[in-house]
Amino acid sequence: MALNKSMHPRNRYKDKPPDFAYLASKYPDFQKHVHTSLTGRVGLNFKDPEAVRALTCTLLKEDFGLSIEIPLERLIPTVPLRLNYIHWVEDLIGSIDGDETAVEGPRRGIDIGTGASCIYPLLGATMNGWFFLATEVDDICFNYAKKNVEQNGLSDLIKGESLSYTSSNELYVTLPVHTPYSPK
């Protein structure tokens, strides 16, 4: 796992990469993809989409308490890089406790093309209580994203909208009259 100095300072993986041996001992689905070299180093084949998916699902479960499903034929996000973006947005909007520049009130975001994992809304909602509107044009991705939000009990914070194109490639969005990601 290539972790480097360009990672956000608050990224939990910056100075402490995931312990594959520990994770393999705790998560049997991940253990299937872990190998040990002749020198005893535990590793993962990052060119194997199943292994990357297992790592993503394992890190989300272990470090954020999130359970997700991702189809192999869709993008499989890497958690450390997606976490960088969440931290950068935190910096931009001042959402860290004690930040005097922080704007009061709930934070709302739109994830355009959320993908099957719905990773940005899931991380933002779980870590910071942010509200999200997650949009997706791919029906398979939308259905997985919706399931991932529901199975993590985050439907109050994350609303999903499936978008569709016409034959002339015009994008149509059908949103409810009320703001779908407003707090109750």
Protein backbone atom coordinates (compact mmCIF):
# COMPACT_ATOMS: atom_id res chain seq x y z
CA MET A 1 0.00 0.00 0.00
CA ALA A 2 1.67 3.16 -1.20
CA LEU A 3 1.26 5.68 1.59
CA ASN A 4 3.35 8.81 1.36
CA LYS A 5 4.07 12.33 2.52
CA SER A 6 1.30 13.82 0.36
CA MET A 7 -1.34 12.29 2.60
CA HIS A 8 -3.31 14.62 4.84
CA PRO A 9 -1.72 15.03 8.30
CA ARG A 10 -4.90 13.76 10.03
CA ASN A 11 -5.21 10.72 7.78
CA ARG A 12 -5.08 7.74 10.11
CA TYR A 13 -3.09 5.77 7.52
CA LYS A 14 -0.36 8.39 6.96
CA ASP A 15 2.03 7.13 9.63
CA LYS A 16 0.35 3.84 10.45
CA PRO A 17 -0.48 1.70 7.42
CA PRO A 18 -3.06 -1.05 7.87
CA ASP A 19 -1.73 -4.12 9.66
CA PHE A 20 -2.58 -6.81 7.11
CA ALA A 21 -1.66 -9.66 9.47
CA TYR A 22 -3.99 -8.36 12.19
CA LEU A 23 -6.81 -7.67 9.74
CA ALA A 24 -6.41 -11.13 8.18
CA SER A 25 -6.68 -12.75 11.62
CA LYS A 26 -9.91 -10.84 12.31
CA TYR A 27 -11.63 -10.90 8.89
CA PRO A 28 -11.74 -14.27 7.07
CA ASP A 29 -12.90 -12.67 3.80
CA PHE A 30 -9.78 -10.50 3.83
CA GLN A 31 -7.50 -13.34 4.94
CA LYS A 32 -8.20 -15.19 1.67
CA HIS A 33 -6.30 -12.46 -0.21
CA VAL A 34 -3.33 -12.00 2.08
CA HIS A 35 -0.02 -13.72 1.33
CA THR A 36 3.21 -14.04 3.27
CA SER A 37 6.54 -13.70 1.49
CA LEU A 38 9.57 -15.93 2.14
CA THR A 39 10.92 -13.18 4.40
CA GLY A 40 7.72 -13.23 6.46
CA ARG A 41 6.31 -9.97 5.13
CA VAL A 42 2.52 -9.98 4.87
CA GLY A 43 1.19 -8.45 1.66
CA LEU A 44 -1.67 -8.08 -0.78
CA ASN A 45 -1.83 -8.26 -4.57
CA PHE A 46 -3.13 -4.78 -5.43
CA LYS A 47 -3.59 -5.80 -9.06
CA ASP A 48 -6.30 -8.26 -7.99
CA PRO A 49 -9.68 -6.43 -7.85
CA GLU A 50 -11.06 -8.99 -5.39
CA ALA A 51 -8.16 -8.32 -3.02
CA VAL A 52 -8.61 -4.54 -3.31
CA ARG A 53 -12.34 -4.89 -2.69
CA ALA A 54 -11.66 -7.08 0.36
CA LEU A 55 -9.21 -4.49 1.71
CA THR A 56 -11.64 -1.61 1.14
CA CYS A 57 -14.51 -3.43 2.84
CA THR A 58 -12.26 -4.52 5.72
CA LEU A 59 -10.85 -1.05 6.38
CA LEU A 60 -14.30 0.54 6.30
CA LYS A 61 -15.57 -2.08 8.77
CA GLU A 62 -12.55 -1.99 11.08
CA ASP A 63 -11.89 1.74 11.17
CA PHE A 64 -15.31 3.30 10.57
CA GLY A 65 -17.85 0.60 11.49
CA LEU A 66 -19.24 0.60 7.94
CA SER A 67 -20.39 -2.50 6.07
CA ILE A 68 -20.55 -2.16 2.30
CA GLU A 69 -20.88 -4.26 -0.81
CA ILE A 70 -19.14 -3.34 -4.06
CA PRO A 71 -19.52 -5.19 -7.39
CA LEU A 72 -16.22 -6.16 -9.01
CA GLU A 73 -17.22 -4.62 -12.33
CA ARG A 74 -17.42 -1.12 -10.82
CA LEU A 75 -14.83 1.24 -9.32
CA ILE A 76 -13.36 -0.02 -6.06
CA PRO A 77 -12.22 3.00 -4.02
CA THR A 78 -9.13 2.96 -1.84
CA VAL A 79 -9.98 4.13 1.67
CA PRO A 80 -6.80 6.12 2.50
CA LEU A 81 -7.14 8.30 -0.60
CA ARG A 82 -10.87 8.91 -0.10
CA LEU A 83 -10.18 9.78 3.52
CA ASN A 84 -7.71 12.44 2.32
CA TYR A 85 -10.54 14.20 0.48
CA ILE A 86 -12.78 14.16 3.54
CA HIS A 87 -10.00 15.74 5.62
CA TRP A 88 -9.33 18.37 2.95
CA VAL A 89 -13.03 19.30 2.90
CA GLU A 90 -12.98 19.48 6.71
CA ASP A 91 -10.12 21.97 6.39
CA LEU A 92 -11.98 24.03 3.79
CA ILE A 93 -15.21 24.32 5.76
CA GLY A 94 -13.67 24.44 9.21
CA SER A 95 -15.52 21.48 10.66
CA ILE A 96 -12.89 20.40 13.18
CA ASP A 97 -13.74 21.01 16.86
CA GLY A 98 -12.20 24.21 18.16
CA ASP A 99 -11.82 25.79 14.71
CA GLU A 100 -12.73 29.47 15.13
CA THR A 101 -13.42 29.85 11.40
CA ALA A 102 -16.06 27.11 11.43
CA VAL A 103 -19.46 28.01 10.01
CA GLU A 104 -22.35 27.22 12.33
CA GLY A 105 -25.05 24.74 11.41
CA PRO A 106 -25.19 21.43 9.60
CA ARG A 107 -22.92 20.74 6.63
CA ARG A 108 -24.50 19.62 3.36
CA GLY A 109 -22.75 18.12 0.38
CA ILE A 110 -23.55 16.75 -3.04
CA ASP A 111 -21.69 13.75 -4.38
CA ILE A 112 -22.18 13.70 -8.14
CA GLY A 113 -21.46 10.20 -9.41
CA THR A 114 -21.33 8.58 -5.98
CA GLY A 115 -20.54 5.14 -7.36
CA ALA A 116 -21.52 1.78 -5.92
CA SER A 117 -19.63 2.31 -2.68
CA CYS A 118 -21.09 5.76 -1.89
CA ILE A 119 -17.81 6.22 0.00
CA TYR A 120 -17.66 10.01 0.34
CA PRO A 121 -21.18 10.37 1.79
CA LEU A 122 -20.65 7.34 4.04
CA LEU A 123 -17.38 8.70 5.42
CA GLY A 124 -18.65 12.28 5.72
CA ALA A 125 -21.84 11.23 7.48
CA THR A 126 -20.11 8.74 9.78
CA MET A 127 -17.16 10.92 10.73
CA ASN A 128 -18.82 14.34 10.86
CA GLY A 129 -22.60 13.97 10.72
CA TRP A 130 -22.69 15.71 7.34
CA PHE A 131 -25.82 15.55 5.19
CA PHE A 132 -25.39 14.39 1.59
CA LEU A 133 -27.30 14.17 -1.62
CA ALA A 134 -25.68 11.31 -3.54
CA THR A 135 -26.43 11.17 -7.27
CA GLU A 136 -25.71 8.40 -9.76
CA VAL A 137 -26.62 7.66 -13.40
CA ASP A 138 -25.61 3.99 -13.39
CA ASP A 139 -28.51 1.88 -12.09
CA ILE A 140 -26.25 -0.86 -10.75
CA CYS A 141 -24.12 1.64 -8.83
CA PHE A 142 -27.21 3.47 -7.57
CA ASN A 143 -28.75 0.27 -6.21
CA TYR A 144 -25.54 -0.73 -4.42
CA ALA A 145 -25.08 2.79 -3.04
CA LYS A 146 -28.66 2.85 -1.74
CA LYS A 147 -28.19 -0.54 -0.09
CA ASN A 148 -24.89 0.57 1.47
CA VAL A 149 -26.52 3.67 2.96
CA GLU A 150 -29.50 1.71 4.28
CA GLN A 151 -27.51 -1.15 5.80
CA ASN A 152 -25.41 1.35 7.73
CA GLY A 153 -28.44 3.19 9.09
CA LEU A 154 -27.50 6.48 7.44
CA SER A 155 -30.68 7.17 5.45
CA ASP A 156 -31.42 10.22 7.62
CA LEU A 157 -28.12 11.82 6.56
CA ILE A 158 -27.71 10.52 3.00
CA LYS A 159 -30.36 10.74 0.31
CA GLY A 160 -29.81 9.19 -3.08
CA GLU A 161 -31.16 10.22 -6.45
CA SER A 162 -30.91 8.19 -9.61
CA LEU A 163 -30.36 10.34 -12.67
CA SER A 164 -31.17 9.37 -16.24
CA TYR A 165 -30.26 10.45 -19.75
CA THR A 166 -32.64 10.76 -22.68
CA SER A 167 -31.77 9.44 -26.11
CA SER A 168 -30.38 12.90 -26.96
CA ASN A 169 -28.03 12.75 -23.93
CA GLU A 170 -29.96 15.34 -21.96
CA LEU A 171 -29.71 14.74 -18.25
CA TYR A 172 -32.97 14.69 -16.30
CA VAL A 173 -33.08 14.96 -12.55
CA THR A 174 -36.26 14.35 -10.65
CA LEU A 175 -36.00 15.65 -7.11
CA PRO A 176 -38.72 15.88 -4.50
CA VAL A 177 -40.09 19.34 -3.78
CA HIS A 178 -38.61 19.31 -0.25
CA THR A 179 -34.85 19.43 0.22
CA PRO A 180 -33.98 15.72 0.58
CA TYR A 181 -30.93 16.18 2.77
CA SER A 182 -32.25 18.76 5.24
CA PRO A 183 -32.34 17.87 8.92
CA LYS A 184 -35.74 17.13 10.36
